[in-house]
């Protein structure tokens, strides 16, 4: 039998999940941007 989460505990779980999602998305976007910049720089020469 699991105990009930308080609203604060439930909300902190949602917020931490959202933060992790944003971190993953921003990291992926940064890698893609670096890859594009690399291609643009080295394809020009």
C-alpha atoms as a PDB file:
ATOM      1  CA  UNK A   1       0.000   0.000   0.000  1.00  0.00           C
ATOM      2  CA  UNK A   2       1.563   3.263  -1.170  1.00  0.00           C
ATOM      3  CA  UNK A   3       1.020   6.458   0.743  1.00  0.00           C
ATOM      4  CA  UNK A   4      -0.696   9.419  -0.893  1.00  0.00           C
ATOM      5  CA  UNK A   5       1.463  12.186  -2.299  1.00  0.00           C
ATOM      6  CA  UNK A   6       0.825  15.664  -1.003  1.00  0.00           C
ATOM      7  CA  UNK A   7       0.103  18.319  -3.666  1.00  0.00           C
ATOM      8  CA  UNK A   8       3.567  19.817  -3.081  1.00  0.00           C
ATOM      9  CA  UNK A   9       5.289  16.453  -3.611  1.00  0.00           C
ATOM     10  CA  UNK A  10       3.260  15.753  -6.737  1.00  0.00           C
ATOM     11  CA  UNK A  11       4.005  19.219  -8.122  1.00  0.00           C
ATOM     12  CA  UNK A  12       7.750  18.889  -7.447  1.00  0.00           C
ATOM     13  CA  UNK A  13       7.736  15.621  -9.396  1.00  0.00           C
ATOM     14  CA  UNK A  14       6.042  17.297 -12.353  1.00  0.00           C
ATOM     15  CA  UNK A  15       8.457  20.245 -12.220  1.00  0.00           C
ATOM     16  CA  UNK A  16      11.565  18.037 -12.036  1.00  0.00           C
ATOM     17  CA  UNK A  17      10.269  15.959 -14.939  1.00  0.00           C
ATOM     18  CA  UNK A  18       9.704  19.134 -16.944  1.00  0.00           C
ATOM     19  CA  UNK A  19      13.221  20.396 -16.115  1.00  0.00           C
ATOM     20  CA  UNK A  20      14.769  17.098 -17.251  1.00  0.00           C
ATOM     21  CA  UNK A  21      12.749  17.261 -20.495  1.00  0.00           C
ATOM     22  CA  UNK A  22      13.886  20.840 -21.159  1.00  0.00           C
ATOM     23  CA  UNK A  23      17.517  19.876 -20.455  1.00  0.00           C
ATOM     24  CA  UNK A  24      17.339  16.965 -22.906  1.00  0.00           C
ATOM     25  CA  UNK A  25      15.722  19.132 -25.604  1.00  0.00           C
ATOM     26  CA  UNK A  26      18.195  21.999 -25.165  1.00  0.00           C
ATOM     27  CA  UNK A  27      21.184  19.634 -25.178  1.00  0.00           C
ATOM     28  CA  UNK A  28      19.934  17.985 -28.373  1.00  0.00           C
ATOM     29  CA  UNK A  29      19.333  21.392 -29.980  1.00  0.00           C
ATOM     30  CA  UNK A  30      22.843  22.529 -29.006  1.00  0.00           C
ATOM     31  CA  UNK A  31      24.406  19.415 -30.565  1.00  0.00           C
ATOM     32  CA  UNK A  32      22.413  19.941 -33.779  1.00  0.00           C
ATOM     33  CA  UNK A  33      23.396  23.626 -33.897  1.00  0.00           C
ATOM     34  CA  UNK A  34      27.075  22.738 -33.392  1.00  0.00           C
ATOM     35  CA  UNK A  35      26.846  20.146 -36.153  1.00  0.00           C
ATOM     36  CA  UNK A  36      25.256  22.659 -38.539  1.00  0.00           C
ATOM     37  CA  UNK A  37      27.875  25.290 -37.705  1.00  0.00           C
ATOM     38  CA  UNK A  38      30.645  22.725 -38.249  1.00  0.00           C
ATOM     39  CA  UNK A  39      29.219  21.789 -41.675  1.00  0.00           C
ATOM     40  CA  UNK A  40      28.785  25.445 -42.699  1.00  0.00           C
ATOM     41  CA  UNK A  41      32.311  26.407 -41.631  1.00  0.00           C
ATOM     42  CA  UNK A  42      34.094  23.472 -43.240  1.00  0.00           C
ATOM     43  CA  UNK A  43      31.981  23.246 -46.408  1.00  0.00           C
ATOM     44  CA  UNK A  44      32.864  26.855 -47.261  1.00  0.00           C
ATOM     45  CA  UNK A  45      36.601  26.195 -47.387  1.00  0.00           C
END
